[in-house]
Amino acid sequence: MVKSMTNLLEQHKLNKRIFDIHSPDDISEFQYFLENNRWKNTCPFHVRWPHLNVVDMIKDEIIHEFVNTHKKVETKYNFEALESAMR
């Protein structure tokens, strides 16, 4: 039985998932992409608005996660004395 192009595209869409920055599998998949400039099979993730491609979307999510984590660490300590000494 020959599958139509529409059916193949629909099946391809169904196999994609949302990237989860806290998932070791998703991070591993992206790491493989960064090291090899290609996905293991096809890109397994949906692109979400406002991004135009999956790679930039994932980079943006990693940056946001890092900044939010760093911000939480920074607010844990009082840097006011250090900042005033630097002025």
PDB file of N, CA and C in Angstrom:
ATOM      1  N   MET A   1       0.849  -1.188   0.000  1.00  0.00           N
ATOM      2  CA  MET A   1       0.000   0.000   0.000  1.00  0.00           C
ATOM      3  C   MET A   1       0.889   1.245   0.000  1.00  0.00           C
ATOM      4  N   VAL A   2       0.625   2.153  -0.878  1.00  0.00           N
ATOM      5  CA  VAL A   2       1.393   3.387  -0.990  1.00  0.00           C
ATOM      6  C   VAL A   2       0.754   4.446  -0.106  1.00  0.00           C
ATOM      7  N   LYS A   3       1.572   5.060   0.726  1.00  0.00           N
ATOM      8  CA  LYS A   3       1.064   6.119   1.592  1.00  0.00           C
ATOM      9  C   LYS A   3       1.154   7.443   0.844  1.00  0.00           C
ATOM     10  N   SER A   4       0.162   8.275   1.028  1.00  0.00           N
ATOM     11  CA  SER A   4       0.204   9.591   0.397  1.00  0.00           C
ATOM     12  C   SER A   4       1.139  10.501   1.182  1.00  0.00           C
ATOM     13  N   MET A   5       1.568  11.549   0.537  1.00  0.00           N
ATOM     14  CA  MET A   5       2.467  12.508   1.176  1.00  0.00           C
ATOM     15  C   MET A   5       1.791  13.144   2.387  1.00  0.00           C
ATOM     16  N   THR A   6       0.503  13.397   2.296  1.00  0.00           N
ATOM     17  CA  THR A   6      -0.222  13.989   3.427  1.00  0.00           C
ATOM     18  C   THR A   6      -0.197  13.055   4.630  1.00  0.00           C
ATOM     19  N   ASN A   7      -0.406  11.776   4.397  1.00  0.00           N
ATOM     20  CA  ASN A   7      -0.365  10.819   5.500  1.00  0.00           C
ATOM     21  C   ASN A   7       1.020  10.746   6.122  1.00  0.00           C
ATOM     22  N   LEU A   8       2.045  10.790   5.305  1.00  0.00           N
ATOM     23  CA  LEU A   8       3.415  10.765   5.830  1.00  0.00           C
ATOM     24  C   LEU A   8       3.717  11.996   6.671  1.00  0.00           C
ATOM     25  N   LEU A   9       3.246  13.139   6.206  1.00  0.00           N
ATOM     26  CA  LEU A   9       3.459  14.374   6.972  1.00  0.00           C
ATOM     27  C   LEU A   9       2.701  14.344   8.293  1.00  0.00           C
ATOM     28  N   GLU A  10       1.489  13.855   8.278  1.00  0.00           N
ATOM     29  CA  GLU A  10       0.709  13.757   9.512  1.00  0.00           C
ATOM     30  C   GLU A  10       1.364  12.793  10.499  1.00  0.00           C
ATOM     31  N   GLN A  11       1.848  11.678  10.000  1.00  0.00           N
ATOM     32  CA  GLN A  11       2.526  10.713  10.856  1.00  0.00           C
ATOM     33  C   GLN A  11       3.800  11.330  11.425  1.00  0.00           C
ATOM     34  N   HIS A  12       4.516  12.077  10.614  1.00  0.00           N
ATOM     35  CA  HIS A  12       5.745  12.731  11.061  1.00  0.00           C
ATOM     36  C   HIS A  12       5.443  13.734  12.180  1.00  0.00           C
ATOM     37  N   LYS A  13       4.365  14.496  12.026  1.00  0.00           N
ATOM     38  CA  LYS A  13       3.979  15.462  13.055  1.00  0.00           C
ATOM     39  C   LYS A  13       3.642  14.768  14.370  1.00  0.00           C
ATOM     40  N   LEU A  14       3.000  13.631  14.283  1.00  0.00           N
ATOM     41  CA  LEU A  14       2.596  12.914  15.490  1.00  0.00           C
ATOM     42  C   LEU A  14       3.787  12.378  16.270  1.00  0.00           C
ATOM     43  N   ASN A  15       4.884  12.131  15.609  1.00  0.00           N
ATOM     44  CA  ASN A  15       6.066  11.584  16.276  1.00  0.00           C
ATOM     45  C   ASN A  15       6.888  12.649  17.004  1.00  0.00           C
ATOM     46  N   LYS A  16       6.526  13.902  16.853  1.00  0.00           N
ATOM     47  CA  LYS A  16       7.285  14.974  17.501  1.00  0.00           C
ATOM     48  C   LYS A  16       6.738  15.246  18.889  1.00  0.00           C
ATOM     49  N   ARG A  17       7.616  15.761  19.737  1.00  0.00           N
ATOM     50  CA  ARG A  17       7.219  16.070  21.105  1.00  0.00           C
ATOM     51  C   ARG A  17       7.727  17.468  21.470  1.00  0.00           C
ATOM     52  N   ILE A  18       7.264  17.952  22.579  1.00  0.00           N
ATOM     53  CA  ILE A  18       7.702  19.253  23.085  1.00  0.00           C
ATOM     54  C   ILE A  18       9.018  19.063  23.825  1.00  0.00           C
ATOM     55  N   PHE A  19       9.978  19.914  23.544  1.00  0.00           N
ATOM     56  CA  PHE A  19      11.277  19.853  24.218  1.00  0.00           C
ATOM     57  C   PHE A  19      11.095  20.181  25.697  1.00  0.00           C
ATOM     58  N   ASP A  20      11.663  19.338  26.553  1.00  0.00           N
ATOM     59  CA  ASP A  20      11.610  19.547  28.002  1.00  0.00           C
ATOM     60  C   ASP A  20      13.032  19.716  28.503  1.00  0.00           C
ATOM     61  N   ILE A  21      13.350  20.888  28.980  1.00  0.00           N
ATOM     62  CA  ILE A  21      14.712  21.198  29.406  1.00  0.00           C
ATOM     63  C   ILE A  21      15.144  20.357  30.610  1.00  0.00           C
ATOM     64  N   HIS A  22      14.199  19.797  31.334  1.00  0.00           N
ATOM     65  CA  HIS A  22      14.520  18.991  32.511  1.00  0.00           C
ATOM     66  C   HIS A  22      14.595  17.495  32.198  1.00  0.00           C
ATOM     67  N   SER A  23      14.404  17.144  30.938  1.00  0.00           N
ATOM     68  CA  SER A  23      14.448  15.742  30.535  1.00  0.00           C
ATOM     69  C   SER A  23      15.863  15.368  30.074  1.00  0.00           C
ATOM     70  N   PRO A  24      16.509  14.420  30.718  1.00  0.00           N
ATOM     71  CA  PRO A  24      17.845  13.984  30.288  1.00  0.00           C
ATOM     72  C   PRO A  24      17.856  13.455  28.849  1.00  0.00           C
ATOM     73  N   ASP A  25      16.772  12.810  28.432  1.00  0.00           N
ATOM     74  CA  ASP A  25      16.690  12.304  27.061  1.00  0.00           C
ATOM     75  C   ASP A  25      16.680  13.441  26.043  1.00  0.00           C
ATOM     76  N   ASP A  26      15.926  14.495  26.345  1.00  0.00           N
ATOM     77  CA  ASP A  26      15.865  15.629  25.429  1.00  0.00           C
ATOM     78  C   ASP A  26      17.200  16.369  25.372  1.00  0.00           C
ATOM     79  N   ILE A  27      17.836  16.533  26.516  1.00  0.00           N
ATOM     80  CA  ILE A  27      19.148  17.184  26.550  1.00  0.00           C
ATOM     81  C   ILE A  27      20.167  16.348  25.782  1.00  0.00           C
ATOM     82  N   SER A  28      20.121  15.051  25.954  1.00  0.00           N
ATOM     83  CA  SER A  28      21.026  14.152  25.244  1.00  0.00           C
ATOM     84  C   SER A  28      20.808  14.234  23.735  1.00  0.00           C
ATOM     85  N   GLU A  29      19.558  14.305  23.329  1.00  0.00           N
ATOM     86  CA  GLU A  29      19.229  14.426  21.900  1.00  0.00           C
ATOM     87  C   GLU A  29      19.802  15.712  21.326  1.00  0.00           C
ATOM     88  N   PHE A  30      19.662  16.814  22.064  1.00  0.00           N
ATOM     89  CA  PHE A  30      20.190  18.096  21.593  1.00  0.00           C
ATOM     90  C   PHE A  30      21.716  18.092  21.612  1.00  0.00           C
ATOM     91  N   GLN A  31      22.309  17.478  22.601  1.00  0.00           N
ATOM     92  CA  GLN A  31      23.769  17.373  22.663  1.00  0.00           C
ATOM     93  C   GLN A  31      24.296  16.628  21.440  1.00  0.00           C
ATOM     94  N   TYR A  32      23.619  15.564  21.062  1.00  0.00           N
ATOM     95  CA  TYR A  32      24.008  14.812  19.867  1.00  0.00           C
ATOM     96  C   TYR A  32      23.963  15.729  18.643  1.00  0.00           C
ATOM     97  N   PHE A  33      22.908  16.543  18.548  1.00  0.00           N
ATOM     98  CA  PHE A  33      22.796  17.477  17.429  1.00  0.00           C
ATOM     99  C   PHE A  33      23.967  18.465  17.415  1.00  0.00           C
ATOM    100  N   LEU A  34      24.301  19.010  18.567  1.00  0.00           N
ATOM    101  CA  LEU A  34      25.394  19.989  18.627  1.00  0.00           C
ATOM    102  C   LEU A  34      26.735  19.370  18.253  1.00  0.00           C
ATOM    103  N   GLU A  35      26.959  18.132  18.638  1.00  0.00           N
ATOM    104  CA  GLU A  35      28.234  17.467  18.356  1.00  0.00           C
ATOM    105  C   GLU A  35      28.347  16.983  16.910  1.00  0.00           C
ATOM    106  N   ASN A  36      27.214  16.658  16.283  1.00  0.00           N
ATOM    107  CA  ASN A  36      27.242  16.042  14.955  1.00  0.00           C
ATOM    108  C   ASN A  36      26.595  16.869  13.842  1.00  0.00           C
ATOM    109  N   ASN A  37      26.039  18.015  14.203  1.00  0.00           N
ATOM    110  CA  ASN A  37      25.335  18.873  13.241  1.00  0.00           C
ATOM    111  C   ASN A  37      24.205  18.149  12.520  1.00  0.00           C
ATOM    112  N   ARG A  38      23.590  17.207  13.189  1.00  0.00           N
ATOM    113  CA  ARG A  38      22.421  16.506  12.649  1.00  0.00           C
ATOM    114  C   ARG A  38      21.724  15.791  13.798  1.00  0.00           C
ATOM    115  N   TRP A  39      20.443  15.483  13.595  1.00  0.00           N
ATOM    116  CA  TRP A  39      19.685  14.716  14.571  1.00  0.00           C
ATOM    117  C   TRP A  39      19.988  13.242  14.374  1.00  0.00           C
ATOM    118  N   LYS A  40      19.723  12.432  15.375  1.00  0.00           N
ATOM    119  CA  LYS A  40      19.953  10.995  15.258  1.00  0.00           C
ATOM    120  C   LYS A  40      19.125  10.418  14.110  1.00  0.00           C
ATOM    121  N   ASN A  41      17.869  10.764  14.037  1.00  0.00           N
ATOM    122  CA  ASN A  41      16.994  10.353  12.932  1.00  0.00           C
ATOM    123  C   ASN A  41      16.451  11.600  12.266  1.00  0.00           C
ATOM    124  N   THR A  42      15.330  12.058  12.731  1.00  0.00           N
ATOM    125  CA  THR A  42      14.793  13.355  12.324  1.00  0.00           C
ATOM    126  C   THR A  42      14.622  14.175  13.588  1.00  0.00           C
ATOM    127  N   CYS A  43      14.399  15.439  13.423  1.00  0.00           N
ATOM    128  CA  CYS A  43      14.196  16.306  14.581  1.00  0.00           C
ATOM    129  C   CYS A  43      12.966  15.833  15.353  1.00  0.00           C
ATOM    130  N   PRO A  44      13.114  15.501  16.627  1.00  0.00           N
ATOM    131  CA  PRO A  44      11.997  14.940  17.386  1.00  0.00           C
ATOM    132  C   PRO A  44      11.109  15.979  18.067  1.00  0.00           C
ATOM    133  N   PHE A  45      11.407  17.268  17.883  1.00  0.00           N
ATOM    134  CA  PHE A  45      10.717  18.306  18.647  1.00  0.00           C
ATOM    135  C   PHE A  45       9.869  19.211  17.764  1.00  0.00           C
ATOM    136  N   HIS A  46       8.780  19.694  18.357  1.00  0.00           N
ATOM    137  CA  HIS A  46       7.951  20.714  17.717  1.00  0.00           C
ATOM    138  C   HIS A  46       8.621  22.066  17.895  1.00  0.00           C
ATOM    139  N   VAL A  47       8.520  22.905  16.900  1.00  0.00           N
ATOM    140  CA  VAL A  47       8.963  24.287  17.072  1.00  0.00           C
ATOM    141  C   VAL A  47       7.771  25.067  17.619  1.00  0.00           C
ATOM    142  N   ARG A  48       8.040  25.919  18.587  1.00  0.00           N
ATOM    143  CA  ARG A  48       6.975  26.704  19.215  1.00  0.00           C
ATOM    144  C   ARG A  48       7.177  28.182  18.909  1.00  0.00           C
ATOM    145  N   TRP A  49       6.062  28.866  18.783  1.00  0.00           N
ATOM    146  CA  TRP A  49       6.078  30.303  18.550  1.00  0.00           C
ATOM    147  C   TRP A  49       6.721  30.982  19.745  1.00  0.00           C
ATOM    148  N   PRO A  50       7.516  31.976  19.594  1.00  0.00           N
ATOM    149  CA  PRO A  50       7.780  32.804  18.421  1.00  0.00           C
ATOM    150  C   PRO A  50       9.023  32.367  17.636  1.00  0.00           C
ATOM    151  N   HIS A  51       9.518  31.199  17.895  1.00  0.00           N
ATOM    152  CA  HIS A  51      10.753  30.747  17.256  1.00  0.00           C
ATOM    153  C   HIS A  51      10.493  30.265  15.834  1.00  0.00           C
ATOM    154  N   LEU A  52      11.522  30.382  15.010  1.00  0.00           N
ATOM    155  CA  LEU A  52      11.407  29.953  13.620  1.00  0.00           C
ATOM    156  C   LEU A  52      11.991  28.573  13.390  1.00  0.00           C
ATOM    157  N   ASN A  53      12.835  28.124  14.319  1.00  0.00           N
ATOM    158  CA  ASN A  53      13.395  26.778  14.172  1.00  0.00           C
ATOM    159  C   ASN A  53      13.646  26.183  15.556  1.00  0.00           C
ATOM    160  N   VAL A  54      13.793  24.875  15.585  1.00  0.00           N
ATOM    161  CA  VAL A  54      13.918  24.135  16.836  1.00  0.00           C
ATOM    162  C   VAL A  54      15.232  24.445  17.545  1.00  0.00           C
ATOM    163  N   VAL A  55      16.311  24.554  16.806  1.00  0.00           N
ATOM    164  CA  VAL A  55      17.623  24.768  17.421  1.00  0.00           C
ATOM    165  C   VAL A  55      17.658  26.093  18.187  1.00  0.00           C
ATOM    166  N   ASP A  56      17.189  27.158  17.571  1.00  0.00           N
ATOM    167  CA  ASP A  56      17.158  28.449  18.272  1.00  0.00           C
ATOM    168  C   ASP A  56      16.198  28.418  19.460  1.00  0.00           C
ATOM    169  N   MET A  57      15.100  27.697  19.313  1.00  0.00           N
ATOM    170  CA  MET A  57      14.142  27.568  20.416  1.00  0.00           C
ATOM    171  C   MET A  57      14.805  26.895  21.623  1.00  0.00           C
ATOM    172  N   ILE A  58      15.531  25.799  21.373  1.00  0.00           N
ATOM    173  CA  ILE A  58      16.182  25.076  22.469  1.00  0.00           C
ATOM    174  C   ILE A  58      17.282  25.924  23.096  1.00  0.00           C
ATOM    175  N   LYS A  59      18.072  26.592  22.286  1.00  0.00           N
ATOM    176  CA  LYS A  59      19.117  27.476  22.824  1.00  0.00           C
ATOM    177  C   LYS A  59      18.500  28.551  23.705  1.00  0.00           C
ATOM    178  N   ASP A  60      17.397  29.118  23.263  1.00  0.00           N
ATOM    179  CA  ASP A  60      16.707  30.152  24.036  1.00  0.00           C
ATOM    180  C   ASP A  60      16.211  29.597  25.372  1.00  0.00           C
ATOM    181  N   GLU A  61      15.654  28.393  25.355  1.00  0.00           N
ATOM    182  CA  GLU A  61      15.180  27.782  26.599  1.00  0.00           C
ATOM    183  C   GLU A  61      16.333  27.492  27.558  1.00  0.00           C
ATOM    184  N   ILE A  62      17.455  27.040  27.029  1.00  0.00           N
ATOM    185  CA  ILE A  62      18.623  26.776  27.878  1.00  0.00           C
ATOM    186  C   ILE A  62      19.149  28.068  28.487  1.00  0.00           C
ATOM    187  N   ILE A  63      19.205  29.120  27.705  1.00  0.00           N
ATOM    188  CA  ILE A  63      19.662  30.421  28.213  1.00  0.00           C
ATOM    189  C   ILE A  63      18.719  30.927  29.307  1.00  0.00           C
ATOM    190  N   HIS A  64      17.406  30.846  29.055  1.00  0.00           N
ATOM    191  CA  HIS A  64      16.446  31.300  30.065  1.00  0.00           C
ATOM    192  C   HIS A  64      16.578  30.490  31.350  1.00  0.00           C
ATOM    193  N   GLU A  65      16.751  29.195  31.219  1.00  0.00           N
ATOM    194  CA  GLU A  65      16.914  28.339  32.407  1.00  0.00           C
ATOM    195  C   GLU A  65      18.172  28.731  33.181  1.00  0.00           C
ATOM    196  N   PHE A  66      19.268  28.967  32.473  1.00  0.00           N
ATOM    197  CA  PHE A  66      20.519  29.366  33.117  1.00  0.00           C
ATOM    198  C   PHE A  66      20.366  30.704  33.826  1.00  0.00           C
ATOM    199  N   VAL A  67      19.780  31.669  33.148  1.00  0.00           N
ATOM    200  CA  VAL A  67      19.629  33.002  33.738  1.00  0.00           C
ATOM    201  C   VAL A  67      18.717  32.943  34.956  1.00  0.00           C
ATOM    202  N   ASN A  68      17.623  32.205  34.856  1.00  0.00           N
ATOM    203  CA  ASN A  68      16.711  32.099  36.002  1.00  0.00           C
ATOM    204  C   ASN A  68      17.375  31.388  37.169  1.00  0.00           C
ATOM    205  N   THR A  69      18.142  30.357  36.906  1.00  0.00           N
ATOM    206  CA  THR A  69      18.856  29.647  37.969  1.00  0.00           C
ATOM    207  C   THR A  69      19.908  30.554  38.592  1.00  0.00           C
ATOM    208  N   HIS A  70      20.647  31.273  37.739  1.00  0.00           N
ATOM    209  CA  HIS A  70      21.683  32.189  38.237  1.00  0.00           C
ATOM    210  C   HIS A  70      21.048  33.313  39.061  1.00  0.00           C
ATOM    211  N   LYS A  71      19.923  33.799  38.608  1.00  0.00           N
ATOM    212  CA  LYS A  71      19.230  34.874  39.320  1.00  0.00           C
ATOM    213  C   LYS A  71      18.810  34.405  40.710  1.00  0.00           C
ATOM    214  N   LYS A  72      18.332  33.175  40.817  1.00  0.00           N
ATOM    215  CA  LYS A  72      17.933  32.638  42.122  1.00  0.00           C
ATOM    216  C   LYS A  72      19.139  32.510  43.044  1.00  0.00           C
ATOM    217  N   VAL A  73      20.270  32.087  42.500  1.00  0.00           N
ATOM    218  CA  VAL A  73      21.490  31.956  43.302  1.00  0.00           C
ATOM    219  C   VAL A  73      21.963  33.335  43.739  1.00  0.00           C
ATOM    220  N   GLU A  74      21.889  34.284  42.821  1.00  0.00           N
ATOM    221  CA  GLU A  74      22.354  35.631  43.118  1.00  0.00           C
ATOM    222  C   GLU A  74      21.518  36.276  44.220  1.00  0.00           C
ATOM    223  N   THR A  75      20.210  36.071  44.218  1.00  0.00           N
ATOM    224  CA  THR A  75      19.366  36.679  45.241  1.00  0.00           C
ATOM    225  C   THR A  75      19.538  35.989  46.587  1.00  0.00           C
ATOM    226  N   LYS A  76      20.148  34.819  46.592  1.00  0.00           N
ATOM    227  CA  LYS A  76      20.396  34.095  47.833  1.00  0.00           C
ATOM    228  C   LYS A  76      21.459  34.807  48.675  1.00  0.00           C
ATOM    229  N   TYR A  77      22.363  35.499  48.008  1.00  0.00           N
ATOM    230  CA  TYR A  77      23.449  36.181  48.694  1.00  0.00           C
ATOM    231  C   TYR A  77      23.239  37.687  48.621  1.00  0.00           C
ATOM    232  N   ASN A  78      23.772  38.381  49.592  1.00  0.00           N
ATOM    233  CA  ASN A  78      23.645  39.834  49.620  1.00  0.00           C
ATOM    234  C   ASN A  78      24.934  40.441  49.068  1.00  0.00           C
ATOM    235  N   PHE A  79      24.833  41.008  47.870  1.00  0.00           N
ATOM    236  CA  PHE A  79      25.992  41.593  47.219  1.00  0.00           C
ATOM    237  C   PHE A  79      26.036  43.119  47.366  1.00  0.00           C
ATOM    238  N   GLU A  80      25.184  43.675  48.210  1.00  0.00           N
ATOM    239  CA  GLU A  80      25.108  45.127  48.355  1.00  0.00           C
ATOM    240  C   GLU A  80      26.426  45.710  48.853  1.00  0.00           C
ATOM    241  N   ALA A  81      27.072  45.076  49.815  1.00  0.00           N
ATOM    242  CA  ALA A  81      28.343  45.586  50.339  1.00  0.00           C
ATOM    243  C   ALA A  81      29.422  45.561  49.275  1.00  0.00           C
ATOM    244  N   LEU A  82      29.463  44.515  48.490  1.00  0.00           N
ATOM    245  CA  LEU A  82      30.438  44.412  47.408  1.00  0.00           C
ATOM    246  C   LEU A  82      30.169  45.460  46.339  1.00  0.00           C
ATOM    247  N   GLU A  83      28.911  45.643  45.982  1.00  0.00           N
ATOM    248  CA  GLU A  83      28.556  46.637  44.980  1.00  0.00           C
ATOM    249  C   GLU A  83      28.902  48.056  45.454  1.00  0.00           C
ATOM    250  N   SER A  84      28.629  48.373  46.703  1.00  0.00           N
ATOM    251  CA  SER A  84      28.948  49.722  47.208  1.00  0.00           C
ATOM    252  C   SER A  84      30.451  49.933  47.299  1.00  0.00           C
ATOM    253  N   ALA A  85      31.210  48.877  47.594  1.00  0.00           N
ATOM    254  CA  ALA A  85      32.669  48.995  47.649  1.00  0.00           C
ATOM    255  C   ALA A  85      33.255  49.218  46.252  1.00  0.00           C
ATOM    256  N   MET A  86      32.579  48.736  45.229  1.00  0.00           N
ATOM    257  CA  MET A  86      33.077  48.890  43.854  1.00  0.00           C
ATOM    258  C   MET A  86      32.778  50.271  43.285  1.00  0.00           C
ATOM    259  N   ARG A  87      31.915  51.038  43.937  1.00  0.00           N
ATOM    260  CA  ARG A  87      31.531  52.360  43.401  1.00  0.00           C
ATOM    261  C   ARG A  87      32.538  53.399  43.745  1.00  0.00           C
TER     262      ARG A  87
END
